[in-house]
Amino acid sequence: MSDTIVDFDAIITRYATFTFDDSTPLLDAGLESLALLRLAVDVAGDDDAEIDATRLVDLHTVADLKRWLADLATAGQDGGAR
């Protein structure tokens, strides 16, 4: 499952209210904290996954969000061992 490629753009599009690219600030894409947490839950995939919401303050652009989501997805594949 580690070879699975996740289409983060498609996942983010479900919650964004405006068009975006990697350099778009999250608020300009219409992504606020509740949407970010919902995205995290979608990507984590495990009901028992720990989501470090304190990292939200470090997310400024869609690219930052994608890196965070990739970390969550990887942790979920590793059984939360990260």
C-alpha atoms as a PDB file:
ATOM      1  CA  MET A   1       0.000   0.000   0.000  1.00  0.00           C
ATOM      2  CA  SER A   2       3.003   2.281   0.336  1.00  0.00           C
ATOM      3  CA  ASP A   3       3.039   2.628  -3.465  1.00  0.00           C
ATOM      4  CA  THR A   4      -0.437   4.156  -3.468  1.00  0.00           C
ATOM      5  CA  ILE A   5      -0.462   7.618  -4.989  1.00  0.00           C
ATOM      6  CA  VAL A   6      -2.929   9.963  -3.340  1.00  0.00           C
ATOM      7  CA  ASP A   7      -4.488  12.710  -5.450  1.00  0.00           C
ATOM      8  CA  PHE A   8      -4.421  15.466  -2.837  1.00  0.00           C
ATOM      9  CA  ASP A   9      -5.768  18.022  -5.320  1.00  0.00           C
ATOM     10  CA  ALA A  10      -8.956  15.979  -5.713  1.00  0.00           C
ATOM     11  CA  ILE A  11      -9.327  15.583  -1.961  1.00  0.00           C
ATOM     12  CA  ILE A  12      -8.696  19.283  -1.282  1.00  0.00           C
ATOM     13  CA  THR A  13     -11.155  20.287  -4.021  1.00  0.00           C
ATOM     14  CA  ARG A  14     -13.966  18.713  -1.985  1.00  0.00           C
ATOM     15  CA  TYR A  15     -13.448  21.350   0.712  1.00  0.00           C
ATOM     16  CA  ALA A  16     -12.010  24.358  -1.155  1.00  0.00           C
ATOM     17  CA  THR A  17     -14.485  27.012  -2.191  1.00  0.00           C
ATOM     18  CA  PHE A  18     -12.179  28.724  -4.698  1.00  0.00           C
ATOM     19  CA  THR A  19      -9.691  27.517  -7.294  1.00  0.00           C
ATOM     20  CA  PHE A  20      -6.155  26.937  -6.086  1.00  0.00           C
ATOM     21  CA  ASP A  21      -2.649  25.822  -6.952  1.00  0.00           C
ATOM     22  CA  ASP A  22       0.241  24.909  -4.667  1.00  0.00           C
ATOM     23  CA  SER A  23       1.153  28.552  -4.002  1.00  0.00           C
ATOM     24  CA  THR A  24      -2.392  29.627  -3.055  1.00  0.00           C
ATOM     25  CA  PRO A  25      -2.781  30.720   0.573  1.00  0.00           C
ATOM     26  CA  LEU A  26      -5.248  28.448   2.363  1.00  0.00           C
ATOM     27  CA  LEU A  27      -7.706  31.223   3.145  1.00  0.00           C
ATOM     28  CA  ASP A  28      -7.683  32.335  -0.506  1.00  0.00           C
ATOM     29  CA  ALA A  29      -8.736  28.790  -1.420  1.00  0.00           C
ATOM     30  CA  GLY A  30     -11.542  29.024   1.130  1.00  0.00           C
ATOM     31  CA  LEU A  31      -9.946  26.471   3.449  1.00  0.00           C
ATOM     32  CA  GLU A  32     -10.461  27.277   7.108  1.00  0.00           C
ATOM     33  CA  SER A  33      -9.533  25.258  10.186  1.00  0.00           C
ATOM     34  CA  LEU A  34     -12.629  23.037  10.228  1.00  0.00           C
ATOM     35  CA  ALA A  35     -12.121  22.094   6.571  1.00  0.00           C
ATOM     36  CA  LEU A  36      -8.450  21.344   7.296  1.00  0.00           C
ATOM     37  CA  LEU A  37      -9.396  18.992  10.120  1.00  0.00           C
ATOM     38  CA  ARG A  38     -11.970  17.261   7.922  1.00  0.00           C
ATOM     39  CA  LEU A  39      -9.299  16.807   5.266  1.00  0.00           C
ATOM     40  CA  ALA A  40      -6.967  15.334   7.868  1.00  0.00           C
ATOM     41  CA  VAL A  41      -9.616  12.841   8.995  1.00  0.00           C
ATOM     42  CA  ASP A  42     -10.289  11.841   5.369  1.00  0.00           C
ATOM     43  CA  VAL A  43      -6.603  11.268   4.649  1.00  0.00           C
ATOM     44  CA  ALA A  44      -5.701   9.579   7.941  1.00  0.00           C
ATOM     45  CA  GLY A  45      -8.221   6.860   7.182  1.00  0.00           C
ATOM     46  CA  ASP A  46      -7.895   5.255  10.601  1.00  0.00           C
ATOM     47  CA  ASP A  47     -10.512   6.130  13.204  1.00  0.00           C
ATOM     48  CA  ASP A  48      -7.825   5.874  15.903  1.00  0.00           C
ATOM     49  CA  ALA A  49      -5.248   8.018  14.077  1.00  0.00           C
ATOM     50  CA  GLU A  50      -3.769  10.885  16.027  1.00  0.00           C
ATOM     51  CA  ILE A  51      -3.995  14.197  14.215  1.00  0.00           C
ATOM     52  CA  ASP A  52      -1.636  16.875  15.492  1.00  0.00           C
ATOM     53  CA  ALA A  53      -3.877  19.916  15.085  1.00  0.00           C
ATOM     54  CA  THR A  54      -1.134  22.149  16.486  1.00  0.00           C
ATOM     55  CA  ARG A  55       0.580  21.862  13.081  1.00  0.00           C
ATOM     56  CA  LEU A  56      -2.283  23.838  11.544  1.00  0.00           C
ATOM     57  CA  VAL A  57      -0.548  27.070  12.530  1.00  0.00           C
ATOM     58  CA  ASP A  58       2.374  26.141  10.261  1.00  0.00           C
ATOM     59  CA  LEU A  59       0.162  25.663   7.205  1.00  0.00           C
ATOM     60  CA  HIS A  60       0.007  28.719   4.986  1.00  0.00           C
ATOM     61  CA  THR A  61      -0.280  27.465   1.410  1.00  0.00           C
ATOM     62  CA  VAL A  62      -1.855  24.528  -0.372  1.00  0.00           C
ATOM     63  CA  ALA A  63       1.649  23.065  -0.779  1.00  0.00           C
ATOM     64  CA  ASP A  64       2.092  23.161   3.023  1.00  0.00           C
ATOM     65  CA  LEU A  65      -1.266  21.429   3.395  1.00  0.00           C
ATOM     66  CA  LYS A  66      -0.301  18.707   0.924  1.00  0.00           C
ATOM     67  CA  ARG A  67       2.923  17.985   2.838  1.00  0.00           C
ATOM     68  CA  TRP A  68       0.960  17.708   6.091  1.00  0.00           C
ATOM     69  CA  LEU A  69      -1.622  15.435   4.493  1.00  0.00           C
ATOM     70  CA  ALA A  70       1.143  13.271   3.004  1.00  0.00           C
ATOM     71  CA  ASP A  71       2.653  12.907   6.492  1.00  0.00           C
ATOM     72  CA  LEU A  72      -0.751  11.866   7.843  1.00  0.00           C
ATOM     73  CA  ALA A  73      -1.288   9.375   5.038  1.00  0.00           C
ATOM     74  CA  THR A  74       2.148   7.871   5.605  1.00  0.00           C
ATOM     75  CA  ALA A  75       1.562   7.616   9.347  1.00  0.00           C
ATOM     76  CA  GLY A  76      -1.746   5.857   8.666  1.00  0.00           C
ATOM     77  CA  GLN A  77      -0.005   3.325   6.410  1.00  0.00           C
ATOM     78  CA  ASP A  78       2.622   2.714   9.086  1.00  0.00           C
ATOM     79  CA  GLY A  79      -0.066   2.033  11.668  1.00  0.00           C
ATOM     80  CA  GLY A  80       0.480   5.433  13.258  1.00  0.00           C
ATOM     81  CA  ALA A  81       4.088   4.671  14.081  1.00  0.00           C
ATOM     82  CA  ARG A  82       5.294   8.153  13.167  1.00  0.00           C
END
